[in-house]
Amino acid sequence: MVTKKKSKSDSKTKPQEYKVDVYDTKGKKLETLDLDKRVFNGEVNTTLMHQAVVMYAACKRQGNADTKVRSEVRGGGKKPWRQKGTGRARAGTIRSPLWRHGGIVFGPHPRDYSYAIPHQMRLAAVKFALNSKLGDERFKIIDELKLDEPKTKKMKEVLRKLKADGRTLIIIEKLDENVRRAARNLESVLMRSPLDVSCDDILRCEHLLMTKDALHKLIKRFVS
């Protein structure tokens, strides 16, 4: 659990200080850490986070939608009827966009929707996403995450004791092979390294678990 550190003077220019409790895999509280106020200062920029999330969503789009223009539709080589004398409107091909099953005008074609925002903006969005989780009981620091055997049952037991019963993001620096194999069958669990975690990953999770080593690595990612 993250708590705001009480101070005698609440200055708007002075960054807020936060503390976080450290737990073991059995849910027992071990210690309390002071979070680095250069990163965890309570500042949140929803506009920047929105830009980052939209970018990640655009990069995931397949862009496979495709329609046929009049030159691609089968048939239509022969004029449907003569130009005059039938009383009908003149027509030159059944592939006309005016006809049913004809070509599509300005329809979608395969394209790449992905784009990138600057690296510093993506990095800042991760920091703001982390700050949005401050003060939430669902943000916990774990001393270390290791399992004796690669059993999904063991991993579910760890999550139960840490009260992580929803979509959970685990940020871990050195991924134990047993942990990886135990968590891969859990659809609600997402594992990321501190160097790969994104704003989208953090905002989509209900519970955020992070090892102490990953916390230090994550701080270095911002202040280095």
C-alpha atoms as a PDB file:
ATOM      1  CA  MET A   1       0.000   0.000   0.000  1.00  0.00           C
ATOM      2  CA  VAL A   2       1.240   3.481  -0.851  1.00  0.00           C
ATOM      3  CA  THR A   3       0.789   6.297   1.629  1.00  0.00           C
ATOM      4  CA  LYS A   4       1.527   9.993   1.451  1.00  0.00           C
ATOM      5  CA  LYS A   5       4.277  11.103   3.797  1.00  0.00           C
ATOM      6  CA  LYS A   6       3.123  13.868   6.128  1.00  0.00           C
ATOM      7  CA  SER A   7       5.094  17.100   6.056  1.00  0.00           C
ATOM      8  CA  LYS A   8       4.840  20.267   8.117  1.00  0.00           C
ATOM      9  CA  SER A   9       4.758  22.575   5.100  1.00  0.00           C
ATOM     10  CA  ASP A  10       2.706  21.757   1.996  1.00  0.00           C
ATOM     11  CA  SER A  11       4.346  23.868  -0.686  1.00  0.00           C
ATOM     12  CA  LYS A  12       3.077  23.645  -4.256  1.00  0.00           C
ATOM     13  CA  THR A  13       6.607  23.769  -5.588  1.00  0.00           C
ATOM     14  CA  LYS A  14       7.927  21.053  -3.310  1.00  0.00           C
ATOM     15  CA  PRO A  15       7.385  17.480  -4.597  1.00  0.00           C
ATOM     16  CA  GLN A  16       5.240  15.269  -2.387  1.00  0.00           C
ATOM     17  CA  GLU A  17       6.862  12.332  -0.646  1.00  0.00           C
ATOM     18  CA  TYR A  18       5.311   8.875  -0.633  1.00  0.00           C
ATOM     19  CA  LYS A  19       5.957   5.648   1.228  1.00  0.00           C
ATOM     20  CA  VAL A  20       5.180   2.124   0.133  1.00  0.00           C
ATOM     21  CA  ASP A  21       4.899  -1.119   2.083  1.00  0.00           C
ATOM     22  CA  VAL A  22       6.984  -4.132   1.087  1.00  0.00           C
ATOM     23  CA  TYR A  23       5.450  -7.619   1.332  1.00  0.00           C
ATOM     24  CA  ASP A  24       6.665 -11.166   0.940  1.00  0.00           C
ATOM     25  CA  THR A  25       4.911 -13.760  -1.205  1.00  0.00           C
ATOM     26  CA  LYS A  26       2.802 -14.797   1.784  1.00  0.00           C
ATOM     27  CA  GLY A  27       1.285 -11.329   2.116  1.00  0.00           C
ATOM     28  CA  LYS A  28       3.242 -10.424   5.243  1.00  0.00           C
ATOM     29  CA  LYS A  29       4.441  -6.832   5.575  1.00  0.00           C
ATOM     30  CA  LEU A  30       8.223  -6.669   5.879  1.00  0.00           C
ATOM     31  CA  GLU A  31       9.159  -2.984   5.762  1.00  0.00           C
ATOM     32  CA  THR A  32       8.252   0.452   4.465  1.00  0.00           C
ATOM     33  CA  LEU A  33      10.208   2.192   1.718  1.00  0.00           C
ATOM     34  CA  ASP A  34      10.484   5.884   0.879  1.00  0.00           C
ATOM     35  CA  LEU A  35       9.772   6.292  -2.824  1.00  0.00           C
ATOM     36  CA  ASP A  36      12.108   8.459  -4.884  1.00  0.00           C
ATOM     37  CA  LYS A  37      10.307  11.782  -5.208  1.00  0.00           C
ATOM     38  CA  ARG A  38      12.022  12.452  -8.523  1.00  0.00           C
ATOM     39  CA  VAL A  39       9.753   9.789  -9.977  1.00  0.00           C
ATOM     40  CA  PHE A  40       6.923   9.254  -7.505  1.00  0.00           C
ATOM     41  CA  ASN A  41       5.732  12.791  -6.817  1.00  0.00           C
ATOM     42  CA  GLY A  42       2.007  12.493  -7.460  1.00  0.00           C
ATOM     43  CA  GLU A  43       2.084  14.370 -10.773  1.00  0.00           C
ATOM     44  CA  VAL A  44      -0.297  13.017 -13.416  1.00  0.00           C
ATOM     45  CA  ASN A  45      -0.731  14.257 -16.983  1.00  0.00           C
ATOM     46  CA  THR A  46      -3.859  12.609 -18.368  1.00  0.00           C
ATOM     47  CA  THR A  47      -3.443  14.228 -21.792  1.00  0.00           C
ATOM     48  CA  LEU A  48      -0.010  12.708 -22.307  1.00  0.00           C
ATOM     49  CA  MET A  49      -1.157   9.312 -21.031  1.00  0.00           C
ATOM     50  CA  HIS A  50      -4.062   9.429 -23.483  1.00  0.00           C
ATOM     51  CA  GLN A  51      -1.689  10.160 -26.354  1.00  0.00           C
ATOM     52  CA  ALA A  52       0.464   7.189 -25.373  1.00  0.00           C
ATOM     53  CA  VAL A  53      -2.493   4.798 -25.039  1.00  0.00           C
ATOM     54  CA  VAL A  54      -3.891   5.854 -28.431  1.00  0.00           C
ATOM     55  CA  MET A  55      -0.463   5.276 -29.985  1.00  0.00           C
ATOM     56  CA  TYR A  56      -0.221   1.753 -28.523  1.00  0.00           C
ATOM     57  CA  ALA A  57      -3.763   0.981 -29.711  1.00  0.00           C
ATOM     58  CA  ALA A  58      -2.923   2.216 -33.213  1.00  0.00           C
ATOM     59  CA  CYS A  59       0.198   0.045 -33.312  1.00  0.00           C
ATOM     60  CA  LYS A  60      -1.926  -3.010 -32.490  1.00  0.00           C
ATOM     61  CA  ARG A  61      -4.385  -2.418 -35.357  1.00  0.00           C
ATOM     62  CA  GLN A  62      -4.062  -5.004 -38.093  1.00  0.00           C
ATOM     63  CA  GLY A  63      -5.259  -2.749 -40.888  1.00  0.00           C
ATOM     64  CA  ASN A  64      -6.364  -5.682 -43.063  1.00  0.00           C
ATOM     65  CA  ALA A  65      -9.721  -4.254 -44.214  1.00  0.00           C
ATOM     66  CA  ASP A  66      -9.886  -4.206 -47.996  1.00  0.00           C
ATOM     67  CA  THR A  67     -12.523  -3.379 -50.598  1.00  0.00           C
ATOM     68  CA  LYS A  68     -12.507  -3.689 -54.382  1.00  0.00           C
ATOM     69  CA  VAL A  69     -12.600  -0.705 -56.676  1.00  0.00           C
ATOM     70  CA  ARG A  70     -14.459  -0.962 -59.989  1.00  0.00           C
ATOM     71  CA  SER A  71     -11.368  -2.240 -61.804  1.00  0.00           C
ATOM     72  CA  GLU A  72     -11.027  -5.155 -59.359  1.00  0.00           C
ATOM     73  CA  VAL A  73     -14.638  -6.376 -59.373  1.00  0.00           C
ATOM     74  CA  ARG A  74     -15.233  -9.471 -61.496  1.00  0.00           C
ATOM     75  CA  GLY A  75     -17.295  -9.142 -64.660  1.00  0.00           C
ATOM     76  CA  GLY A  76     -18.651  -6.042 -66.343  1.00  0.00           C
ATOM     77  CA  GLY A  77     -16.727  -6.338 -69.568  1.00  0.00           C
ATOM     78  CA  LYS A  78     -19.864  -6.252 -71.666  1.00  0.00           C
ATOM     79  CA  LYS A  79     -22.245  -3.323 -71.819  1.00  0.00           C
ATOM     80  CA  PRO A  80     -25.434  -4.463 -69.970  1.00  0.00           C
ATOM     81  CA  TRP A  81     -27.793  -3.153 -72.667  1.00  0.00           C
ATOM     82  CA  ARG A  82     -27.672  -0.906 -75.660  1.00  0.00           C
ATOM     83  CA  GLN A  83     -27.259   2.813 -75.231  1.00  0.00           C
ATOM     84  CA  LYS A  84     -30.656   3.908 -76.568  1.00  0.00           C
ATOM     85  CA  GLY A  85     -34.135   2.614 -77.107  1.00  0.00           C
ATOM     86  CA  THR A  86     -34.714   0.591 -73.931  1.00  0.00           C
ATOM     87  CA  GLY A  87     -36.118   3.376 -71.750  1.00  0.00           C
ATOM     88  CA  ARG A  88     -33.586   2.538 -69.075  1.00  0.00           C
ATOM     89  CA  ALA A  89     -30.795   4.741 -67.816  1.00  0.00           C
ATOM     90  CA  ARG A  90     -27.645   4.318 -69.823  1.00  0.00           C
ATOM     91  CA  ALA A  91     -25.093   1.897 -68.330  1.00  0.00           C
ATOM     92  CA  GLY A  92     -21.676   0.851 -69.485  1.00  0.00           C
ATOM     93  CA  THR A  93     -20.642  -1.774 -66.903  1.00  0.00           C
ATOM     94  CA  ILE A  94     -22.108  -3.697 -64.013  1.00  0.00           C
ATOM     95  CA  ARG A  95     -18.971  -2.860 -62.002  1.00  0.00           C
ATOM     96  CA  SER A  96     -20.076   0.757 -61.603  1.00  0.00           C
ATOM     97  CA  PRO A  97     -20.170   1.962 -57.970  1.00  0.00           C
ATOM     98  CA  LEU A  98     -23.831   2.846 -58.565  1.00  0.00           C
ATOM     99  CA  TRP A  99     -24.703  -0.813 -58.994  1.00  0.00           C
ATOM    100  CA  ARG A 100     -25.221  -3.441 -56.344  1.00  0.00           C
ATOM    101  CA  HIS A 101     -22.070  -5.571 -56.089  1.00  0.00           C
ATOM    102  CA  GLY A 102     -20.195  -2.892 -57.977  1.00  0.00           C
ATOM    103  CA  GLY A 103     -16.920  -1.287 -57.006  1.00  0.00           C
ATOM    104  CA  ILE A 104     -16.524   0.637 -53.752  1.00  0.00           C
ATOM    105  CA  VAL A 105     -15.625   4.309 -53.834  1.00  0.00           C
ATOM    106  CA  PHE A 106     -13.099   5.494 -51.240  1.00  0.00           C
ATOM    107  CA  GLY A 107     -13.324   2.193 -49.364  1.00  0.00           C
ATOM    108  CA  PRO A 108     -10.670   0.929 -46.931  1.00  0.00           C
ATOM    109  CA  HIS A 109      -7.498  -0.749 -48.149  1.00  0.00           C
ATOM    110  CA  PRO A 110      -4.691  -2.457 -46.194  1.00  0.00           C
ATOM    111  CA  ARG A 111      -2.583   0.125 -44.413  1.00  0.00           C
ATOM    112  CA  ASP A 112      -0.231   0.515 -41.489  1.00  0.00           C
ATOM    113  CA  TYR A 113      -1.851   2.505 -38.675  1.00  0.00           C
ATOM    114  CA  SER A 114       1.197   2.482 -36.424  1.00  0.00           C
ATOM    115  CA  TYR A 115       3.068   5.623 -35.508  1.00  0.00           C
ATOM    116  CA  ALA A 116       5.406   6.699 -32.735  1.00  0.00           C
ATOM    117  CA  ILE A 117       5.515   9.583 -30.304  1.00  0.00           C
ATOM    118  CA  PRO A 118       8.915  10.793 -29.041  1.00  0.00           C
ATOM    119  CA  HIS A 119      10.769   8.543 -26.609  1.00  0.00           C
ATOM    120  CA  GLN A 120      10.750  11.150 -23.835  1.00  0.00           C
ATOM    121  CA  MET A 121       6.973  11.468 -24.115  1.00  0.00           C
ATOM    122  CA  ARG A 122       6.542   7.689 -23.851  1.00  0.00           C
ATOM    123  CA  LEU A 123       8.844   7.626 -20.828  1.00  0.00           C
ATOM    124  CA  ALA A 124       6.977  10.481 -19.150  1.00  0.00           C
ATOM    125  CA  ALA A 125       3.674   8.688 -19.782  1.00  0.00           C
ATOM    126  CA  VAL A 126       4.991   5.634 -17.894  1.00  0.00           C
ATOM    127  CA  LYS A 127       5.949   7.849 -14.955  1.00  0.00           C
ATOM    128  CA  PHE A 128       2.547   9.550 -14.898  1.00  0.00           C
ATOM    129  CA  ALA A 129       0.819   6.153 -15.082  1.00  0.00           C
ATOM    130  CA  LEU A 130       2.814   4.956 -12.069  1.00  0.00           C
ATOM    131  CA  ASN A 131       1.889   8.110 -10.166  1.00  0.00           C
ATOM    132  CA  SER A 132      -1.780   7.509 -10.948  1.00  0.00           C
ATOM    133  CA  LYS A 133      -1.519   4.287  -8.931  1.00  0.00           C
ATOM    134  CA  LEU A 134      -0.173   6.028  -5.809  1.00  0.00           C
ATOM    135  CA  GLY A 135      -2.509   5.908  -2.825  1.00  0.00           C
ATOM    136  CA  ASP A 136      -4.093   2.713  -4.143  1.00  0.00           C
ATOM    137  CA  GLU A 137      -4.001  -0.429  -2.003  1.00  0.00           C
ATOM    138  CA  ARG A 138      -3.659  -2.455  -5.194  1.00  0.00           C
ATOM    139  CA  PHE A 139      -0.105  -1.149  -5.761  1.00  0.00           C
ATOM    140  CA  LYS A 140       2.295  -3.370  -3.811  1.00  0.00           C
ATOM    141  CA  ILE A 141       6.038  -3.935  -3.663  1.00  0.00           C
ATOM    142  CA  ILE A 142       7.257  -7.524  -3.241  1.00  0.00           C
ATOM    143  CA  ASP A 143      10.581  -8.356  -1.633  1.00  0.00           C
ATOM    144  CA  GLU A 144      11.221 -11.052  -4.254  1.00  0.00           C
ATOM    145  CA  LEU A 145       9.151 -13.374  -6.395  1.00  0.00           C
ATOM    146  CA  LYS A 146      10.335 -16.974  -6.648  1.00  0.00           C
ATOM    147  CA  LEU A 147       8.633 -20.362  -6.725  1.00  0.00           C
ATOM    148  CA  ASP A 148       9.975 -23.785  -5.807  1.00  0.00           C
ATOM    149  CA  GLU A 149       8.181 -25.449  -8.708  1.00  0.00           C
ATOM    150  CA  PRO A 150       6.446 -24.251 -11.890  1.00  0.00           C
ATOM    151  CA  LYS A 151       2.888 -24.842 -10.726  1.00  0.00           C
ATOM    152  CA  THR A 152       0.022 -22.536 -11.672  1.00  0.00           C
ATOM    153  CA  LYS A 153      -1.594 -23.430  -8.369  1.00  0.00           C
ATOM    154  CA  LYS A 154       1.415 -21.992  -6.521  1.00  0.00           C
ATOM    155  CA  MET A 155       1.211 -18.742  -8.475  1.00  0.00           C
ATOM    156  CA  LYS A 156      -2.499 -18.397  -7.823  1.00  0.00           C
ATOM    157  CA  GLU A 157      -1.837 -18.897  -4.121  1.00  0.00           C
ATOM    158  CA  VAL A 158       0.733 -16.066  -4.134  1.00  0.00           C
ATOM    159  CA  LEU A 159      -1.727 -13.750  -5.883  1.00  0.00           C
ATOM    160  CA  ARG A 160      -4.478 -14.690  -3.439  1.00  0.00           C
ATOM    161  CA  LYS A 161      -2.328 -13.863  -0.419  1.00  0.00           C
ATOM    162  CA  LEU A 162      -1.376 -10.534  -2.000  1.00  0.00           C
ATOM    163  CA  LYS A 163      -5.082  -9.891  -2.693  1.00  0.00           C
ATOM    164  CA  ALA A 164      -4.466  -9.539  -6.428  1.00  0.00           C
ATOM    165  CA  ASP A 165      -7.713 -11.066  -7.667  1.00  0.00           C
ATOM    166  CA  GLY A 166      -8.148  -9.171 -10.946  1.00  0.00           C
ATOM    167  CA  ARG A 167      -6.067  -8.221 -13.938  1.00  0.00           C
ATOM    168  CA  THR A 168      -2.546  -8.071 -12.523  1.00  0.00           C
ATOM    169  CA  LEU A 169       0.658  -6.575 -13.873  1.00  0.00           C
ATOM    170  CA  ILE A 170       3.865  -7.947 -12.361  1.00  0.00           C
ATOM    171  CA  ILE A 171       7.027  -5.922 -12.960  1.00  0.00           C
ATOM    172  CA  ILE A 172      10.057  -8.074 -12.258  1.00  0.00           C
ATOM    173  CA  GLU A 173      13.696  -7.578 -13.222  1.00  0.00           C
ATOM    174  CA  LYS A 174      15.020 -11.136 -13.206  1.00  0.00           C
ATOM    175  CA  LEU A 175      12.238 -13.488 -14.212  1.00  0.00           C
ATOM    176  CA  ASP A 176      12.469 -16.831 -12.457  1.00  0.00           C
ATOM    177  CA  GLU A 177      11.781 -19.696 -14.861  1.00  0.00           C
ATOM    178  CA  ASN A 178       9.376 -21.336 -12.419  1.00  0.00           C
ATOM    179  CA  VAL A 179       7.461 -18.073 -12.073  1.00  0.00           C
ATOM    180  CA  ARG A 180       7.277 -17.640 -15.835  1.00  0.00           C
ATOM    181  CA  ARG A 181       5.938 -21.126 -16.412  1.00  0.00           C
ATOM    182  CA  ALA A 182       3.515 -20.885 -13.496  1.00  0.00           C
ATOM    183  CA  ALA A 183       2.059 -17.563 -14.668  1.00  0.00           C
ATOM    184  CA  ARG A 184       1.796 -18.221 -18.403  1.00  0.00           C
ATOM    185  CA  ASN A 185      -1.490 -20.113 -18.002  1.00  0.00           C
ATOM    186  CA  LEU A 186      -3.103 -17.236 -16.094  1.00  0.00           C
ATOM    187  CA  GLU A 187      -4.888 -15.018 -18.584  1.00  0.00           C
ATOM    188  CA  SER A 188      -5.268 -12.183 -16.071  1.00  0.00           C
ATOM    189  CA  VAL A 189      -1.525 -11.974 -15.298  1.00  0.00           C
ATOM    190  CA  LEU A 190       0.881  -9.917 -17.387  1.00  0.00           C
ATOM    191  CA  MET A 191       4.614  -9.907 -16.679  1.00  0.00           C
ATOM    192  CA  ARG A 192       6.945  -7.135 -17.774  1.00  0.00           C
ATOM    193  CA  SER A 193      10.507  -6.044 -17.089  1.00  0.00           C
ATOM    194  CA  PRO A 194      11.123  -2.503 -15.748  1.00  0.00           C
ATOM    195  CA  LEU A 195      12.695  -1.554 -19.080  1.00  0.00           C
ATOM    196  CA  ASP A 196       9.794  -2.818 -21.205  1.00  0.00           C
ATOM    197  CA  VAL A 197       6.718  -1.807 -19.210  1.00  0.00           C
ATOM    198  CA  SER A 198       4.534   0.758 -20.939  1.00  0.00           C
ATOM    199  CA  CYS A 199       1.905   3.275 -19.936  1.00  0.00           C
ATOM    200  CA  ASP A 200      -0.747   1.084 -21.550  1.00  0.00           C
ATOM    201  CA  ASP A 201       0.308  -1.941 -19.457  1.00  0.00           C
ATOM    202  CA  ILE A 202       0.042   0.018 -16.203  1.00  0.00           C
ATOM    203  CA  LEU A 203      -3.291   1.703 -16.903  1.00  0.00           C
ATOM    204  CA  ARG A 204      -4.988  -1.517 -17.999  1.00  0.00           C
ATOM    205  CA  CYS A 205      -4.119  -3.446 -14.840  1.00  0.00           C
ATOM    206  CA  GLU A 206      -6.243  -3.548 -11.704  1.00  0.00           C
ATOM    207  CA  HIS A 207      -3.371  -4.671  -9.484  1.00  0.00           C
ATOM    208  CA  LEU A 208       0.266  -3.635  -9.818  1.00  0.00           C
ATOM    209  CA  LEU A 209       2.932  -5.818  -8.203  1.00  0.00           C
ATOM    210  CA  MET A 210       6.594  -4.906  -8.395  1.00  0.00           C
ATOM    211  CA  THR A 211       9.714  -6.458  -6.910  1.00  0.00           C
ATOM    212  CA  LYS A 212      12.230  -4.301  -5.037  1.00  0.00           C
ATOM    213  CA  ASP A 213      14.895  -4.913  -7.667  1.00  0.00           C
ATOM    214  CA  ALA A 214      12.474  -3.888 -10.403  1.00  0.00           C
ATOM    215  CA  LEU A 215      11.591  -0.714  -8.484  1.00  0.00           C
ATOM    216  CA  HIS A 216      15.245   0.351  -8.294  1.00  0.00           C
ATOM    217  CA  LYS A 217      15.744  -0.499 -11.974  1.00  0.00           C
ATOM    218  CA  LEU A 218      12.644   1.448 -12.922  1.00  0.00           C
ATOM    219  CA  ILE A 219      13.834   4.515 -11.026  1.00  0.00           C
ATOM    220  CA  LYS A 220      17.177   4.355 -12.843  1.00  0.00           C
ATOM    221  CA  ARG A 221      15.259   4.299 -16.118  1.00  0.00           C
ATOM    222  CA  PHE A 222      13.866   7.752 -15.341  1.00  0.00           C
ATOM    223  CA  VAL A 223      16.737   9.485 -13.556  1.00  0.00           C
ATOM    224  CA  SER A 224      19.697   8.209 -15.596  1.00  0.00           C
END
